[in-house]
Amino acid sequence: MEKEAFGKLSGDGPYWFGESVSLVDFTFYPWFERWPALKHYRGFTLPEEFTRLRQWKKALKQRDSVVAIANSKEFYIKRYARFATPVPA
């Protein structure tokens, strides 16, 4: 995404296709809202060098429409617990 999407399509804008938000942005963003669960359970973080991806995530996270329906990181950590923890045999 960093190279092929933002590097080639977005120019200087924060969104997938530049300055204007699109359906593509809103389609991918919910997966990144869940990222704290990946970090919590698997220690997986976005690499620091993914600056465009981080810029995109921040720009979307600050939109009023996203703020209105956003869930907290605690929400996702709790919901993903049953998928992330081992099941007794």
C-alpha atoms as a PDB file:
ATOM      1  CA  MET A   1       0.000   0.000   0.000  1.00  0.00           C
ATOM      2  CA  GLU A   2       2.806   2.380   0.881  1.00  0.00           C
ATOM      3  CA  LYS A   3       4.545   2.054  -2.495  1.00  0.00           C
ATOM      4  CA  GLU A   4       1.881   0.975  -4.931  1.00  0.00           C
ATOM      5  CA  ALA A   5      -1.109   2.924  -3.666  1.00  0.00           C
ATOM      6  CA  PHE A   6       0.067   6.044  -1.904  1.00  0.00           C
ATOM      7  CA  GLY A   7       3.369   6.276  -3.723  1.00  0.00           C
ATOM      8  CA  LYS A   8       1.768   6.148  -7.164  1.00  0.00           C
ATOM      9  CA  LEU A   9      -1.823   7.346  -6.787  1.00  0.00           C
ATOM     10  CA  SER A  10      -2.209   9.916  -4.058  1.00  0.00           C
ATOM     11  CA  GLY A  11       0.286  12.609  -5.033  1.00  0.00           C
ATOM     12  CA  ASP A  12       0.655  14.995  -2.102  1.00  0.00           C
ATOM     13  CA  GLY A  13      -2.827  14.346  -0.727  1.00  0.00           C
ATOM     14  CA  PRO A  14      -3.457  12.297   2.378  1.00  0.00           C
ATOM     15  CA  TYR A  15      -6.088  10.042   0.811  1.00  0.00           C
ATOM     16  CA  TRP A  16      -5.842   7.105  -1.547  1.00  0.00           C
ATOM     17  CA  PHE A  17      -6.478   9.248  -4.622  1.00  0.00           C
ATOM     18  CA  GLY A  18      -5.085  12.543  -3.355  1.00  0.00           C
ATOM     19  CA  GLU A  19      -6.876  15.433  -1.721  1.00  0.00           C
ATOM     20  CA  SER A  20     -10.398  13.963  -1.896  1.00  0.00           C
ATOM     21  CA  VAL A  21     -11.569  11.108   0.264  1.00  0.00           C
ATOM     22  CA  SER A  22     -13.048   8.173  -1.653  1.00  0.00           C
ATOM     23  CA  LEU A  23     -14.862   4.896  -1.163  1.00  0.00           C
ATOM     24  CA  VAL A  24     -11.482   3.155  -1.261  1.00  0.00           C
ATOM     25  CA  ASP A  25     -10.379   5.058   1.846  1.00  0.00           C
ATOM     26  CA  PHE A  26     -13.555   4.195   3.720  1.00  0.00           C
ATOM     27  CA  THR A  27     -13.331   0.561   2.640  1.00  0.00           C
ATOM     28  CA  PHE A  28      -9.812   0.026   3.971  1.00  0.00           C
ATOM     29  CA  TYR A  29      -9.939   2.195   7.082  1.00  0.00           C
ATOM     30  CA  PRO A  30     -11.976  -0.148   9.337  1.00  0.00           C
ATOM     31  CA  TRP A  31      -9.229  -2.746   9.089  1.00  0.00           C
ATOM     32  CA  PHE A  32      -6.720  -0.213  10.332  1.00  0.00           C
ATOM     33  CA  GLU A  33      -9.009   0.849  13.155  1.00  0.00           C
ATOM     34  CA  ARG A  34      -8.620  -2.737  14.412  1.00  0.00           C
ATOM     35  CA  TRP A  35      -4.824  -2.501  14.386  1.00  0.00           C
ATOM     36  CA  PRO A  36      -4.523  -2.081  18.190  1.00  0.00           C
ATOM     37  CA  ALA A  37      -5.802  -5.656  18.580  1.00  0.00           C
ATOM     38  CA  LEU A  38      -2.990  -6.924  16.333  1.00  0.00           C
ATOM     39  CA  LYS A  39      -0.485  -4.931  18.318  1.00  0.00           C
ATOM     40  CA  HIS A  40      -1.886  -6.131  21.635  1.00  0.00           C
ATOM     41  CA  TYR A  41      -2.117  -9.830  20.812  1.00  0.00           C
ATOM     42  CA  ARG A  42       0.660 -10.291  18.263  1.00  0.00           C
ATOM     43  CA  GLY A  43       3.001  -7.327  18.786  1.00  0.00           C
ATOM     44  CA  PHE A  44       2.466  -6.300  15.161  1.00  0.00           C
ATOM     45  CA  THR A  45       2.952  -2.597  14.427  1.00  0.00           C
ATOM     46  CA  LEU A  46       3.141  -0.471  11.316  1.00  0.00           C
ATOM     47  CA  PRO A  47       6.777   0.071  10.395  1.00  0.00           C
ATOM     48  CA  GLU A  48       7.968   3.619  11.062  1.00  0.00           C
ATOM     49  CA  GLU A  49       9.036   4.045   7.435  1.00  0.00           C
ATOM     50  CA  PHE A  50       5.401   3.695   6.264  1.00  0.00           C
ATOM     51  CA  THR A  51       4.926   7.437   6.534  1.00  0.00           C
ATOM     52  CA  ARG A  52       2.257   7.744   3.831  1.00  0.00           C
ATOM     53  CA  LEU A  53       0.174   4.981   5.350  1.00  0.00           C
ATOM     54  CA  ARG A  54       0.440   6.648   8.752  1.00  0.00           C
ATOM     55  CA  GLN A  55      -0.540  10.015   7.231  1.00  0.00           C
ATOM     56  CA  TRP A  56      -3.562   8.388   5.570  1.00  0.00           C
ATOM     57  CA  LYS A  57      -4.671   6.689   8.774  1.00  0.00           C
ATOM     58  CA  LYS A  58      -4.356   9.918  10.746  1.00  0.00           C
ATOM     59  CA  ALA A  59      -6.269  11.946   8.134  1.00  0.00           C
ATOM     60  CA  LEU A  60      -9.164   9.484   8.123  1.00  0.00           C
ATOM     61  CA  LYS A  61      -9.196   9.098  11.905  1.00  0.00           C
ATOM     62  CA  GLN A  62      -9.732  12.868  12.240  1.00  0.00           C
ATOM     63  CA  ARG A  63     -12.717  13.085   9.867  1.00  0.00           C
ATOM     64  CA  ASP A  64     -16.001  13.888  11.599  1.00  0.00           C
ATOM     65  CA  SER A  65     -17.748  10.995   9.870  1.00  0.00           C
ATOM     66  CA  VAL A  66     -15.147   8.529  11.154  1.00  0.00           C
ATOM     67  CA  VAL A  67     -15.060  10.022  14.654  1.00  0.00           C
ATOM     68  CA  ALA A  68     -18.849   9.643  14.853  1.00  0.00           C
ATOM     69  CA  ILE A  69     -18.717   5.862  14.406  1.00  0.00           C
ATOM     70  CA  ALA A  70     -15.243   4.983  15.701  1.00  0.00           C
ATOM     71  CA  ASN A  71     -14.652   2.337  18.336  1.00  0.00           C
ATOM     72  CA  SER A  72     -11.899   2.536  20.937  1.00  0.00           C
ATOM     73  CA  LYS A  73      -8.824   0.344  20.879  1.00  0.00           C
ATOM     74  CA  GLU A  74     -10.120  -1.316  24.053  1.00  0.00           C
ATOM     75  CA  PHE A  75     -13.274  -2.265  22.152  1.00  0.00           C
ATOM     76  CA  TYR A  76     -11.267  -4.206  19.571  1.00  0.00           C
ATOM     77  CA  ILE A  77      -8.877  -5.741  22.076  1.00  0.00           C
ATOM     78  CA  LYS A  78     -11.834  -7.118  24.015  1.00  0.00           C
ATOM     79  CA  ARG A  79     -13.686  -8.341  20.910  1.00  0.00           C
ATOM     80  CA  TYR A  80     -10.648 -10.081  19.438  1.00  0.00           C
ATOM     81  CA  ALA A  81      -9.687 -11.864  22.657  1.00  0.00           C
ATOM     82  CA  ARG A  82     -11.568 -15.021  21.757  1.00  0.00           C
ATOM     83  CA  PHE A  83      -9.804 -15.206  18.383  1.00  0.00           C
ATOM     84  CA  ALA A  84      -6.356 -14.345  19.650  1.00  0.00           C
ATOM     85  CA  THR A  85      -5.992 -16.508  22.724  1.00  0.00           C
ATOM     86  CA  PRO A  86      -5.329 -20.254  22.525  1.00  0.00           C
ATOM     87  CA  VAL A  87      -8.298 -22.560  22.873  1.00  0.00           C
ATOM     88  CA  PRO A  88      -7.847 -25.347  25.428  1.00  0.00           C
ATOM     89  CA  ALA A  89      -7.647 -28.798  23.822  1.00  0.00           C
END
